[in-house]
Amino acid sequence: MVSVGDAAPDFTAPLTDIDGDIESFTLSENLDDAPLVLAFFPAAFTGTCTTEMCTFRDQMANFEDVGATVYGISIDTPFTLTEFAEQNGLTFGLISDTNRELVDAYDVAMDFAELGVNRVAKRAVFVVDGDGEVTYAWVSDDPGVEPDYEAVEAAAGKLEEPSEAA
């Protein structure tokens, strides 16, 4: 599993942006927007996942205050994520991992065997700094548990550049 101090696995995947446009997103090409909060969730339109993404939406001002850029990541298609974002008024990008390359690279895959669904994302959050280093990692084996949003915000805030005195 990816841990604090590790280099964040680089990836390129489809991103649904806040305007509903789908474009290619490469982690290493977006480190200037760090700290980056990568919030993995099992599936769009499910109870806890919707609550989690809406909580990030509702707390977006706090993340913006510390200069953080938030991305949700799931195995859903970009088109599903576009609809999910629109229906829930999400104000941050969603990354599609239909090939499960990210869940494998970050070692956060889990199965819902009773439903016949394999290799979905565990609920997990990673904060990545401008050098591509993981500075915060939280992974839950219980898909019903949400992250500690204040801890994620605090971790991202530690990476904010100090403001210069006037």
Protein backbone atom coordinates (compact mmCIF):
# COMPACT_ATOMS: atom_id res chain seq x y z
CA MET A 1 0.00 0.00 0.00
CA VAL A 2 1.13 3.55 -0.70
CA SER A 3 2.31 5.16 2.53
CA VAL A 4 3.38 8.56 3.80
CA GLY A 5 6.80 9.38 2.39
CA ASP A 6 6.31 7.32 -0.79
CA ALA A 7 6.33 8.84 -4.24
CA ALA A 8 2.72 9.00 -5.38
CA PRO A 9 2.22 6.60 -8.28
CA ASP A 10 1.87 8.70 -11.42
CA PHE A 11 -1.09 8.08 -13.70
CA THR A 12 -3.03 9.38 -16.65
CA ALA A 13 -6.79 8.89 -16.59
CA PRO A 14 -10.00 10.57 -17.78
CA LEU A 15 -11.09 13.55 -15.66
CA THR A 16 -14.60 14.98 -15.55
CA ASP A 17 -14.11 18.63 -14.66
CA ILE A 18 -16.58 20.93 -12.92
CA ASP A 19 -18.03 22.01 -16.29
CA GLY A 20 -18.82 18.41 -17.24
CA ASP A 21 -16.02 18.27 -19.80
CA ILE A 22 -13.96 15.10 -20.02
CA GLU A 23 -10.22 15.47 -20.52
CA SER A 24 -7.04 13.59 -19.84
CA PHE A 25 -5.46 14.13 -16.41
CA THR A 26 -1.87 13.22 -15.55
CA LEU A 27 -0.91 13.49 -11.88
CA SER A 28 2.70 14.56 -12.48
CA GLU A 29 1.55 17.37 -14.79
CA ASN A 30 -0.72 18.83 -12.08
CA LEU A 31 1.65 18.99 -9.12
CA ASP A 32 1.65 22.80 -9.40
CA ASP A 33 -1.89 22.61 -7.99
CA ALA A 34 -0.64 20.79 -4.87
CA PRO A 35 -1.48 19.90 -2.30
CA LEU A 36 -3.61 17.39 -4.16
CA VAL A 37 -6.26 15.46 -2.27
CA LEU A 38 -7.00 12.13 -3.98
CA ALA A 39 -10.23 10.76 -2.52
CA PHE A 40 -10.92 7.20 -3.71
CA PHE A 41 -14.51 5.97 -3.37
CA PRO A 42 -16.14 2.67 -4.38
CA ALA A 43 -18.96 3.82 -6.67
CA ALA A 44 -21.02 6.82 -7.70
CA PHE A 45 -24.68 6.98 -6.70
CA THR A 46 -24.27 4.85 -3.57
CA GLY A 47 -25.16 6.10 -0.11
CA THR A 48 -21.86 6.61 1.69
CA CYS A 49 -20.02 7.59 -1.49
CA THR A 50 -22.56 10.30 -2.26
CA THR A 51 -22.37 11.54 1.33
CA GLU A 52 -18.55 11.61 1.18
CA MET A 53 -18.33 13.49 -2.12
CA CYS A 54 -21.02 15.95 -1.00
CA THR A 55 -19.12 16.53 2.26
CA PHE A 56 -15.99 17.37 0.27
CA ARG A 57 -18.18 19.72 -1.82
CA ASP A 58 -19.61 21.36 1.29
CA GLN A 59 -16.15 21.81 2.79
CA MET A 60 -14.50 22.95 -0.44
CA ALA A 61 -13.92 26.48 0.88
CA ASN A 62 -11.80 25.01 3.69
CA PHE A 63 -9.68 23.10 1.18
CA GLU A 64 -9.38 26.14 -1.07
CA ASP A 65 -8.30 28.22 1.96
CA VAL A 66 -5.26 25.95 2.36
CA GLY A 67 -4.58 25.88 -1.38
CA ALA A 68 -5.63 22.24 -1.84
CA THR A 69 -7.10 20.77 -5.02
CA VAL A 70 -9.53 17.88 -4.45
CA TYR A 71 -10.19 15.01 -6.85
CA GLY A 72 -12.60 12.12 -6.38
CA ILE A 73 -11.55 8.79 -7.93
CA SER A 74 -13.71 5.75 -8.67
CA ILE A 75 -13.97 2.93 -11.21
CA ASP A 76 -17.07 4.52 -12.74
CA THR A 77 -17.01 5.65 -16.38
CA PRO A 78 -16.39 9.34 -17.10
CA PHE A 79 -19.99 9.64 -18.30
CA THR A 80 -21.35 8.23 -15.05
CA LEU A 81 -19.10 10.57 -13.08
CA THR A 82 -20.32 13.55 -15.14
CA GLU A 83 -23.92 12.74 -14.22
CA PHE A 84 -22.97 12.08 -10.59
CA ALA A 85 -21.23 15.46 -10.40
CA GLU A 86 -24.15 17.27 -12.02
CA GLN A 87 -26.81 15.65 -9.82
CA ASN A 88 -24.84 16.44 -6.66
CA GLY A 89 -23.45 19.86 -7.60
CA LEU A 90 -19.86 18.70 -7.12
CA THR A 91 -17.34 21.51 -7.51
CA PHE A 92 -14.20 19.45 -8.03
CA GLY A 93 -12.94 17.04 -10.65
CA LEU A 94 -13.71 13.32 -10.71
CA ILE A 95 -11.21 10.84 -12.13
CA SER A 96 -12.38 7.66 -13.86
CA ASP A 97 -10.42 4.48 -13.18
CA THR A 98 -12.43 2.01 -15.26
CA ASN A 99 -9.28 0.01 -16.02
CA ARG A 100 -8.53 -0.17 -12.28
CA GLU A 101 -4.97 0.99 -12.82
CA LEU A 102 -5.16 3.53 -9.98
CA VAL A 103 -6.74 1.18 -7.44
CA ASP A 104 -3.98 -1.28 -8.26
CA ALA A 105 -1.15 1.30 -8.20
CA TYR A 106 -2.31 2.71 -4.86
CA ASP A 107 -3.16 -0.80 -3.60
CA VAL A 108 -6.70 0.12 -2.57
CA ALA A 109 -8.75 -2.47 -4.47
CA MET A 110 -11.49 -4.43 -2.75
CA ASP A 111 -14.20 -6.85 -3.84
CA PHE A 112 -17.91 -6.89 -3.16
CA ALA A 113 -18.01 -10.63 -3.81
CA GLU A 114 -21.64 -11.00 -2.72
CA LEU A 115 -22.59 -8.52 -5.45
CA GLY A 116 -20.21 -9.94 -8.04
CA VAL A 117 -18.29 -6.67 -8.23
CA ASN A 118 -14.53 -6.94 -8.09
CA ARG A 119 -11.66 -4.50 -7.70
CA VAL A 120 -13.54 -1.36 -6.74
CA ALA A 121 -11.74 1.33 -4.78
CA LYS A 122 -11.61 1.12 -1.02
CA ARG A 123 -12.55 4.38 0.60
CA ALA A 124 -9.13 6.04 0.82
CA VAL A 125 -7.59 9.51 0.84
CA PHE A 126 -4.05 10.50 -0.10
CA VAL A 127 -2.56 13.99 0.05
CA VAL A 128 0.24 14.61 -2.44
CA ASP A 129 2.65 17.55 -2.23
CA GLY A 130 4.22 19.53 -5.06
CA ASP A 131 7.14 17.12 -5.26
CA GLY A 132 4.80 14.17 -5.81
CA GLU A 133 5.31 12.79 -2.31
CA VAL A 134 2.46 11.29 -0.30
CA THR A 135 2.18 13.31 2.91
CA TYR A 136 -1.06 11.81 4.23
CA ALA A 137 -2.63 8.39 3.70
CA TRP A 138 -5.86 6.97 5.07
CA VAL A 139 -7.43 3.72 3.86
CA SER A 140 -10.51 1.98 5.26
CA ASP A 141 -11.37 -1.69 4.84
CA ASP A 142 -14.96 -0.76 5.75
CA PRO A 143 -16.70 1.02 2.84
CA GLY A 144 -19.23 2.47 5.29
CA VAL A 145 -16.60 4.56 7.09
CA GLU A 146 -15.94 8.11 5.91
CA PRO A 147 -12.58 9.84 6.24
CA ASP A 148 -11.84 12.38 8.96
CA TYR A 149 -12.34 15.46 6.80
CA GLU A 150 -10.69 17.77 9.35
CA ALA A 151 -7.58 15.54 9.40
CA VAL A 152 -7.43 15.62 5.59
CA GLU A 153 -7.77 19.40 5.60
CA ALA A 154 -5.10 19.72 8.31
CA ALA A 155 -2.73 17.48 6.33
CA ALA A 156 -3.27 19.55 3.19
CA GLY A 157 -2.89 22.77 5.18
CA LYS A 158 0.54 21.75 6.41
CA LEU A 159 1.70 21.90 2.81
CA GLU A 160 0.45 25.42 2.15
CA GLU A 161 3.28 27.78 1.39
CA PRO A 162 3.68 30.36 4.16
CA SER A 163 2.54 33.78 3.05
CA GLU A 164 5.25 36.38 2.72
CA ALA A 165 5.18 39.39 4.97
CA ALA A 166 4.22 42.63 3.26
